[in-house]
Amino acid sequence: MENKLHILLCEDEESLGMLVREYLQAKGYDAELFLDGESGYKAFMKGKYDMCLLDVMMPRMDGFALAREIRMINAEVPIIFLTAKNLKDDILEGFKLGADDYLTKPFSMDELVYRMEAILRRVKGKNQRTATRYQLGQFTFDTQRQVLTIGDKQTKLTTKECELLTMLCSHANEVLERELALKTIWIDDNYFNARSMDVYITKLRKHLKDDPAIEINNVHGKGYRLIVPNLVEE
């Protein structure tokens, strides 16, 4: 990304924190790791961050307490909780404090980044470039209007068709993991949602059949790959 976004990462499990930090740095983010809530709070007071990733169970100041302090300073900065806790009351507490999302360990690094990007698209982050249109082979895909166009033919996509095609475009010519797509779009990766996603993949294949160079291939045991000779974000 052209302008690196500054991420505050607070995680007391050092090995996990270093792994997340290195992955985010590899994805183009400027991530700083702190091993307790108090040091994270002091860093937030001194620096300017575009997003906060907070573990809940931390020494010296837990993630919920840190989020309260952060919200007193900045009511807009996005917050994602990273925690082993999955109790309903904990999740509700996080959202009451103004959290934007909540990931339970263990989580996929790809899912974390996709959720971060989805949140950053919704906020007023001036440094985040949002793709609202894709030139997808011979098609033009307008993600805002949910319209797929080729020549004089326009196809209005449903919300889930649009979300799924957007994810495929963001992973063009790479594998989009089934679990990531299910948890991001359907929230849960259960059997029925998985079958539902298969139906939507079939629908997208029909929508894209007018350009024979475009394919959506099954990758056994992993997910799907959108094959497209040229894709341009606008």
C-alpha atoms as a PDB file:
ATOM      1  CA  MET A   1       0.000   0.000   0.000  1.00  0.00           C
ATOM      2  CA  GLU A   2       1.325   3.423  -0.924  1.00  0.00           C
ATOM      3  CA  ASN A   3       0.916   5.043   2.522  1.00  0.00           C
ATOM      4  CA  LYS A   4       1.583   2.555   5.283  1.00  0.00           C
ATOM      5  CA  LEU A   5      -1.123   2.398   7.913  1.00  0.00           C
ATOM      6  CA  HIS A   6       0.069   2.465  11.515  1.00  0.00           C
ATOM      7  CA  ILE A   7      -1.227  -0.442  13.624  1.00  0.00           C
ATOM      8  CA  LEU A   8      -1.104  -0.688  17.426  1.00  0.00           C
ATOM      9  CA  LEU A   9      -0.806  -4.386  18.311  1.00  0.00           C
ATOM     10  CA  CYS A  10      -1.110  -5.377  21.991  1.00  0.00           C
ATOM     11  CA  GLU A  11      -0.615  -9.097  22.640  1.00  0.00           C
ATOM     12  CA  ASP A  12       1.003 -10.583  25.755  1.00  0.00           C
ATOM     13  CA  GLU A  13       1.804 -13.906  24.080  1.00  0.00           C
ATOM     14  CA  GLU A  14       5.075 -12.766  22.542  1.00  0.00           C
ATOM     15  CA  SER A  15       5.426 -15.516  19.930  1.00  0.00           C
ATOM     16  CA  LEU A  16       1.915 -14.883  18.583  1.00  0.00           C
ATOM     17  CA  GLY A  17       2.420 -11.128  18.722  1.00  0.00           C
ATOM     18  CA  MET A  18       5.644 -11.348  16.721  1.00  0.00           C
ATOM     19  CA  LEU A  19       3.979 -13.641  14.187  1.00  0.00           C
ATOM     20  CA  VAL A  20       1.063 -11.224  13.683  1.00  0.00           C
ATOM     21  CA  ARG A  21       3.397  -8.224  13.522  1.00  0.00           C
ATOM     22  CA  GLU A  22       5.631  -9.854  10.897  1.00  0.00           C
ATOM     23  CA  TYR A  23       2.627 -10.924   8.821  1.00  0.00           C
ATOM     24  CA  LEU A  24       1.150  -7.406   8.897  1.00  0.00           C
ATOM     25  CA  GLN A  25       4.513  -5.903   7.969  1.00  0.00           C
ATOM     26  CA  ALA A  26       4.743  -8.327   5.056  1.00  0.00           C
ATOM     27  CA  LYS A  27       1.310  -7.095   3.945  1.00  0.00           C
ATOM     28  CA  GLY A  28       2.524  -3.499   3.946  1.00  0.00           C
ATOM     29  CA  TYR A  29       1.336  -2.300   7.350  1.00  0.00           C
ATOM     30  CA  ASP A  30       3.501  -0.503   9.913  1.00  0.00           C
ATOM     31  CA  ALA A  31       2.743  -2.589  13.020  1.00  0.00           C
ATOM     32  CA  GLU A  32       4.128  -1.988  16.523  1.00  0.00           C
ATOM     33  CA  LEU A  33       3.928  -4.746  19.134  1.00  0.00           C
ATOM     34  CA  PHE A  34       3.429  -4.179  22.883  1.00  0.00           C
ATOM     35  CA  LEU A  35       3.256  -7.014  25.406  1.00  0.00           C
ATOM     36  CA  ASP A  36       0.977  -5.410  27.979  1.00  0.00           C
ATOM     37  CA  GLY A  37      -1.878  -2.928  28.052  1.00  0.00           C
ATOM     38  CA  GLU A  38      -0.032  -0.204  29.931  1.00  0.00           C
ATOM     39  CA  SER A  39       2.808   0.030  27.423  1.00  0.00           C
ATOM     40  CA  GLY A  40       0.221  -0.038  24.626  1.00  0.00           C
ATOM     41  CA  TYR A  41      -1.632   2.838  26.282  1.00  0.00           C
ATOM     42  CA  LYS A  42       1.556   4.917  26.616  1.00  0.00           C
ATOM     43  CA  ALA A  43       2.341   4.293  22.944  1.00  0.00           C
ATOM     44  CA  PHE A  44      -1.158   5.336  21.898  1.00  0.00           C
ATOM     45  CA  MET A  45      -0.806   8.554  23.906  1.00  0.00           C
ATOM     46  CA  LYS A  46       2.389   9.426  22.030  1.00  0.00           C
ATOM     47  CA  GLY A  47       1.693   8.131  18.526  1.00  0.00           C
ATOM     48  CA  LYS A  48      -0.923   8.255  15.789  1.00  0.00           C
ATOM     49  CA  TYR A  49      -2.502   4.924  14.917  1.00  0.00           C
ATOM     50  CA  ASP A  50      -4.954   3.954  12.184  1.00  0.00           C
ATOM     51  CA  MET A  51      -6.161   0.783  13.947  1.00  0.00           C
ATOM     52  CA  CYS A  52      -5.756  -1.061  17.260  1.00  0.00           C
ATOM     53  CA  LEU A  53      -5.541  -4.856  17.649  1.00  0.00           C
ATOM     54  CA  LEU A  54      -5.991  -5.660  21.335  1.00  0.00           C
ATOM     55  CA  ASP A  55      -5.710  -8.928  23.231  1.00  0.00           C
ATOM     56  CA  VAL A  56      -8.259  -9.065  26.073  1.00  0.00           C
ATOM     57  CA  MET A  57      -6.230 -10.930  28.720  1.00  0.00           C
ATOM     58  CA  MET A  58      -3.085  -8.840  29.255  1.00  0.00           C
ATOM     59  CA  PRO A  59      -1.047  -7.927  32.345  1.00  0.00           C
ATOM     60  CA  ARG A  60      -0.969  -4.411  33.851  1.00  0.00           C
ATOM     61  CA  MET A  61      -4.046  -3.342  31.856  1.00  0.00           C
ATOM     62  CA  ASP A  62      -6.437  -5.733  30.090  1.00  0.00           C
ATOM     63  CA  GLY A  63      -7.768  -5.151  26.598  1.00  0.00           C
ATOM     64  CA  PHE A  64     -11.180  -3.909  27.729  1.00  0.00           C
ATOM     65  CA  ALA A  65      -9.617  -1.340  30.079  1.00  0.00           C
ATOM     66  CA  LEU A  66      -7.220  -0.253  27.336  1.00  0.00           C
ATOM     67  CA  ALA A  67     -10.102   0.122  24.874  1.00  0.00           C
ATOM     68  CA  ARG A  68     -11.927   2.375  27.367  1.00  0.00           C
ATOM     69  CA  GLU A  69      -8.865   4.607  27.652  1.00  0.00           C
ATOM     70  CA  ILE A  70      -8.388   4.682  23.887  1.00  0.00           C
ATOM     71  CA  ARG A  71     -12.038   5.615  23.347  1.00  0.00           C
ATOM     72  CA  MET A  72     -11.639   8.560  25.745  1.00  0.00           C
ATOM     73  CA  ILE A  73      -8.808   9.848  23.554  1.00  0.00           C
ATOM     74  CA  ASN A  74     -10.113   8.865  20.121  1.00  0.00           C
ATOM     75  CA  ALA A  75     -13.705   7.809  19.504  1.00  0.00           C
ATOM     76  CA  GLU A  76     -13.111   6.897  15.846  1.00  0.00           C
ATOM     77  CA  VAL A  77      -9.996   4.707  15.646  1.00  0.00           C
ATOM     78  CA  PRO A  78     -11.025   1.121  14.737  1.00  0.00           C
ATOM     79  CA  ILE A  79     -10.504  -1.565  17.392  1.00  0.00           C
ATOM     80  CA  ILE A  80     -10.376  -5.333  16.880  1.00  0.00           C
ATOM     81  CA  PHE A  81     -10.147  -7.634  19.901  1.00  0.00           C
ATOM     82  CA  LEU A  82      -7.952 -10.737  19.586  1.00  0.00           C
ATOM     83  CA  THR A  83      -8.713 -13.220  22.335  1.00  0.00           C
ATOM     84  CA  ALA A  84      -9.111 -16.816  23.361  1.00  0.00           C
ATOM     85  CA  LYS A  85     -12.375 -15.870  25.046  1.00  0.00           C
ATOM     86  CA  ASN A  86     -15.529 -16.725  23.132  1.00  0.00           C
ATOM     87  CA  LEU A  87     -18.233 -16.263  25.748  1.00  0.00           C
ATOM     88  CA  LYS A  88     -21.246 -14.224  24.681  1.00  0.00           C
ATOM     89  CA  ASP A  89     -20.865 -11.776  27.578  1.00  0.00           C
ATOM     90  CA  ASP A  90     -17.247 -11.047  26.613  1.00  0.00           C
ATOM     91  CA  ILE A  91     -18.191 -10.439  23.002  1.00  0.00           C
ATOM     92  CA  LEU A  92     -21.008  -8.105  24.046  1.00  0.00           C
ATOM     93  CA  GLU A  93     -18.669  -6.262  26.413  1.00  0.00           C
ATOM     94  CA  GLY A  94     -16.238  -5.698  23.558  1.00  0.00           C
ATOM     95  CA  PHE A  95     -18.875  -4.246  21.260  1.00  0.00           C
ATOM     96  CA  LYS A  96     -20.280  -2.065  24.059  1.00  0.00           C
ATOM     97  CA  LEU A  97     -16.832  -0.513  24.342  1.00  0.00           C
ATOM     98  CA  GLY A  98     -16.963   0.370  20.661  1.00  0.00           C
ATOM     99  CA  ALA A  99     -15.071  -2.542  19.128  1.00  0.00           C
ATOM    100  CA  ASP A 100     -15.365  -2.904  15.367  1.00  0.00           C
ATOM    101  CA  ASP A 101     -14.707  -6.640  15.313  1.00  0.00           C
ATOM    102  CA  TYR A 102     -13.780  -9.586  17.520  1.00  0.00           C
ATOM    103  CA  LEU A 103     -11.594 -12.548  16.499  1.00  0.00           C
ATOM    104  CA  THR A 104     -11.287 -15.670  18.623  1.00  0.00           C
ATOM    105  CA  LYS A 105      -7.928 -17.478  18.727  1.00  0.00           C
ATOM    106  CA  PRO A 106      -6.758 -19.387  16.854  1.00  0.00           C
ATOM    107  CA  PHE A 107      -7.544 -17.312  13.775  1.00  0.00           C
ATOM    108  CA  SER A 108      -6.377 -17.216  10.169  1.00  0.00           C
ATOM    109  CA  MET A 109      -3.924 -14.425   9.373  1.00  0.00           C
ATOM    110  CA  ASP A 110      -5.648 -13.962   6.019  1.00  0.00           C
ATOM    111  CA  GLU A 111      -8.988 -13.559   7.804  1.00  0.00           C
ATOM    112  CA  LEU A 112      -7.511 -10.967  10.159  1.00  0.00           C
ATOM    113  CA  VAL A 113      -6.163  -8.879   7.269  1.00  0.00           C
ATOM    114  CA  TYR A 114      -9.383  -9.152   5.279  1.00  0.00           C
ATOM    115  CA  ARG A 115     -11.429  -8.026   8.287  1.00  0.00           C
ATOM    116  CA  MET A 116      -9.015  -5.158   8.875  1.00  0.00           C
ATOM    117  CA  GLU A 117      -9.363  -4.057   5.262  1.00  0.00           C
ATOM    118  CA  ALA A 118     -13.151  -4.348   5.405  1.00  0.00           C
ATOM    119  CA  ILE A 119     -13.234  -2.095   8.484  1.00  0.00           C
ATOM    120  CA  LEU A 120     -10.804   0.397   6.970  1.00  0.00           C
ATOM    121  CA  ARG A 121     -13.028   0.677   3.911  1.00  0.00           C
ATOM    122  CA  ARG A 122     -15.910   1.715   6.163  1.00  0.00           C
ATOM    123  CA  VAL A 123     -14.111   4.388   8.154  1.00  0.00           C
ATOM    124  CA  LYS A 124     -12.845   7.756   7.057  1.00  0.00           C
ATOM    125  CA  GLY A 125      -9.211   6.695   6.773  1.00  0.00           C
ATOM    126  CA  LYS A 126      -7.773   9.083   4.189  1.00  0.00           C
ATOM    127  CA  ASN A 127      -4.769   6.856   3.527  1.00  0.00           C
ATOM    128  CA  GLN A 128      -6.819   3.807   2.602  1.00  0.00           C
ATOM    129  CA  ARG A 129      -7.472   3.426  -1.096  1.00  0.00           C
ATOM    130  CA  THR A 130     -10.749   1.618  -1.780  1.00  0.00           C
ATOM    131  CA  ALA A 131     -11.380  -0.246  -5.012  1.00  0.00           C
ATOM    132  CA  THR A 132     -14.928   0.566  -6.090  1.00  0.00           C
ATOM    133  CA  ARG A 133     -14.580  -0.759  -9.640  1.00  0.00           C
ATOM    134  CA  TYR A 134     -12.708  -3.626 -11.216  1.00  0.00           C
ATOM    135  CA  GLN A 135     -11.891  -4.106 -14.876  1.00  0.00           C
ATOM    136  CA  LEU A 136     -12.297  -7.877 -14.837  1.00  0.00           C
ATOM    137  CA  GLY A 137     -11.263  -9.225 -18.215  1.00  0.00           C
ATOM    138  CA  GLN A 138     -13.967  -7.952 -20.572  1.00  0.00           C
ATOM    139  CA  PHE A 139     -16.244  -7.124 -17.638  1.00  0.00           C
ATOM    140  CA  THR A 140     -16.575  -3.985 -15.556  1.00  0.00           C
ATOM    141  CA  PHE A 141     -17.519  -4.776 -11.972  1.00  0.00           C
ATOM    142  CA  ASP A 142     -18.993  -1.855  -9.992  1.00  0.00           C
ATOM    143  CA  THR A 143     -18.890  -2.903  -6.334  1.00  0.00           C
ATOM    144  CA  GLN A 144     -20.869   0.128  -5.158  1.00  0.00           C
ATOM    145  CA  ARG A 145     -23.799  -0.373  -7.546  1.00  0.00           C
ATOM    146  CA  GLN A 146     -23.391  -4.181  -7.448  1.00  0.00           C
ATOM    147  CA  VAL A 147     -23.454  -4.288 -11.244  1.00  0.00           C
ATOM    148  CA  LEU A 148     -21.461  -6.488 -13.638  1.00  0.00           C
ATOM    149  CA  THR A 149     -21.246  -5.100 -17.190  1.00  0.00           C
ATOM    150  CA  ILE A 150     -19.990  -6.543 -20.462  1.00  0.00           C
ATOM    151  CA  GLY A 151     -20.774  -4.645 -23.642  1.00  0.00           C
ATOM    152  CA  ASP A 152     -24.431  -3.602 -23.489  1.00  0.00           C
ATOM    153  CA  LYS A 153     -25.324  -6.314 -20.986  1.00  0.00           C
ATOM    154  CA  GLN A 154     -25.708  -5.398 -17.317  1.00  0.00           C
ATOM    155  CA  THR A 155     -26.281  -7.887 -14.497  1.00  0.00           C
ATOM    156  CA  LYS A 156     -27.463  -6.697 -11.092  1.00  0.00           C
ATOM    157  CA  LEU A 157     -25.801  -8.819  -8.403  1.00  0.00           C
ATOM    158  CA  THR A 158     -27.270  -9.722  -5.045  1.00  0.00           C
ATOM    159  CA  THR A 159     -25.390  -8.495  -1.975  1.00  0.00           C
ATOM    160  CA  LYS A 160     -23.792 -11.886  -1.315  1.00  0.00           C
ATOM    161  CA  GLU A 161     -22.869 -12.329  -4.988  1.00  0.00           C
ATOM    162  CA  CYS A 162     -21.210  -8.915  -4.877  1.00  0.00           C
ATOM    163  CA  GLU A 163     -19.343  -9.628  -1.621  1.00  0.00           C
ATOM    164  CA  LEU A 164     -18.138 -13.007  -2.871  1.00  0.00           C
ATOM    165  CA  LEU A 165     -16.981 -11.655  -6.242  1.00  0.00           C
ATOM    166  CA  THR A 166     -15.204  -8.786  -4.474  1.00  0.00           C
ATOM    167  CA  MET A 167     -13.299 -11.291  -2.322  1.00  0.00           C
ATOM    168  CA  LEU A 168     -12.415 -13.349  -5.390  1.00  0.00           C
ATOM    169  CA  CYS A 169     -11.153 -10.201  -7.137  1.00  0.00           C
ATOM    170  CA  SER A 170      -9.025  -9.271  -4.123  1.00  0.00           C
ATOM    171  CA  HIS A 171      -7.463 -12.759  -4.366  1.00  0.00           C
ATOM    172  CA  ALA A 172      -7.374 -12.873  -8.195  1.00  0.00           C
ATOM    173  CA  ASN A 173      -5.281 -15.774  -9.537  1.00  0.00           C
ATOM    174  CA  GLU A 174      -4.681 -16.900  -5.940  1.00  0.00           C
ATOM    175  CA  VAL A 175      -6.584 -19.292  -3.678  1.00  0.00           C
ATOM    176  CA  LEU A 176      -9.482 -17.804  -1.717  1.00  0.00           C
ATOM    177  CA  GLU A 177      -9.875 -20.057   1.301  1.00  0.00           C
ATOM    178  CA  ARG A 178     -13.400 -21.396   1.841  1.00  0.00           C
ATOM    179  CA  GLU A 179     -13.217 -20.808   5.596  1.00  0.00           C
ATOM    180  CA  LEU A 180     -12.187 -17.178   5.120  1.00  0.00           C
ATOM    181  CA  ALA A 181     -15.041 -16.465   2.697  1.00  0.00           C
ATOM    182  CA  LEU A 182     -17.592 -18.234   4.874  1.00  0.00           C
ATOM    183  CA  LYS A 183     -16.596 -16.486   8.091  1.00  0.00           C
ATOM    184  CA  THR A 184     -16.386 -13.093   6.390  1.00  0.00           C
ATOM    185  CA  ILE A 185     -19.633 -13.195   4.376  1.00  0.00           C
ATOM    186  CA  TRP A 186     -21.774 -15.825   6.113  1.00  0.00           C
ATOM    187  CA  ILE A 187     -20.231 -15.316   9.598  1.00  0.00           C
ATOM    188  CA  ASP A 188     -20.231 -19.083  10.235  1.00  0.00           C
ATOM    189  CA  ASP A 189     -18.551 -21.885   8.254  1.00  0.00           C
ATOM    190  CA  ASN A 190     -21.162 -24.551   9.003  1.00  0.00           C
ATOM    191  CA  TYR A 191     -22.367 -27.156   6.492  1.00  0.00           C
ATOM    192  CA  PHE A 192     -25.455 -25.262   5.347  1.00  0.00           C
ATOM    193  CA  ASN A 193     -23.581 -22.008   4.741  1.00  0.00           C
ATOM    194  CA  ALA A 194     -20.916 -23.942   2.840  1.00  0.00           C
ATOM    195  CA  ARG A 195     -23.583 -25.397   0.541  1.00  0.00           C
ATOM    196  CA  SER A 196     -25.059 -21.905   0.131  1.00  0.00           C
ATOM    197  CA  MET A 197     -21.667 -20.548  -0.940  1.00  0.00           C
ATOM    198  CA  ASP A 198     -21.338 -23.324  -3.523  1.00  0.00           C
ATOM    199  CA  VAL A 199     -24.651 -22.170  -5.017  1.00  0.00           C
ATOM    200  CA  TYR A 200     -23.386 -18.585  -5.222  1.00  0.00           C
ATOM    201  CA  ILE A 201     -20.155 -19.728  -6.873  1.00  0.00           C
ATOM    202  CA  THR A 202     -22.261 -21.479  -9.524  1.00  0.00           C
ATOM    203  CA  LYS A 203     -24.261 -18.275 -10.049  1.00  0.00           C
ATOM    204  CA  LEU A 204     -21.095 -16.227 -10.465  1.00  0.00           C
ATOM    205  CA  ARG A 205     -19.762 -18.681 -13.032  1.00  0.00           C
ATOM    206  CA  LYS A 206     -22.952 -18.175 -15.057  1.00  0.00           C
ATOM    207  CA  HIS A 207     -22.662 -14.396 -14.773  1.00  0.00           C
ATOM    208  CA  LEU A 208     -19.053 -14.510 -16.005  1.00  0.00           C
ATOM    209  CA  LYS A 209     -19.487 -17.054 -18.820  1.00  0.00           C
ATOM    210  CA  ASP A 210     -19.591 -14.357 -21.526  1.00  0.00           C
ATOM    211  CA  ASP A 211     -15.821 -13.966 -21.130  1.00  0.00           C
ATOM    212  CA  PRO A 212     -14.348 -17.440 -21.744  1.00  0.00           C
ATOM    213  CA  ALA A 213     -10.952 -16.333 -20.403  1.00  0.00           C
ATOM    214  CA  ILE A 214     -12.400 -15.985 -16.891  1.00  0.00           C
ATOM    215  CA  GLU A 215     -12.823 -19.069 -14.701  1.00  0.00           C
ATOM    216  CA  ILE A 216     -13.612 -19.813 -11.085  1.00  0.00           C
ATOM    217  CA  ASN A 217     -11.854 -23.074 -10.288  1.00  0.00           C
ATOM    218  CA  ASN A 218     -12.322 -25.345  -7.286  1.00  0.00           C
ATOM    219  CA  VAL A 219      -9.098 -25.966  -5.365  1.00  0.00           C
ATOM    220  CA  HIS A 220      -9.706 -29.279  -3.622  1.00  0.00           C
ATOM    221  CA  GLY A 221      -9.650 -29.034   0.146  1.00  0.00           C
ATOM    222  CA  LYS A 222      -8.815 -25.318   0.104  1.00  0.00           C
ATOM    223  CA  GLY A 223     -11.274 -23.076  -1.714  1.00  0.00           C
ATOM    224  CA  TYR A 224     -11.600 -21.275  -5.030  1.00  0.00           C
ATOM    225  CA  ARG A 225      -9.339 -19.505  -7.505  1.00  0.00           C
ATOM    226  CA  LEU A 226     -10.539 -16.742  -9.831  1.00  0.00           C
ATOM    227  CA  ILE A 227      -8.558 -17.070 -13.060  1.00  0.00           C
ATOM    228  CA  VAL A 228      -8.508 -13.769 -14.936  1.00  0.00           C
ATOM    229  CA  PRO A 229      -5.930 -12.662 -17.575  1.00  0.00           C
ATOM    230  CA  ASN A 230      -6.113  -9.018 -16.550  1.00  0.00           C
ATOM    231  CA  LEU A 231      -7.656  -7.286 -13.568  1.00  0.00           C
ATOM    232  CA  VAL A 232      -7.411  -3.574 -12.875  1.00  0.00           C
ATOM    233  CA  GLU A 233      -8.620  -1.841  -9.705  1.00  0.00           C
ATOM    234  CA  GLU A 234     -10.145   1.613 -10.106  1.00  0.00           C
END
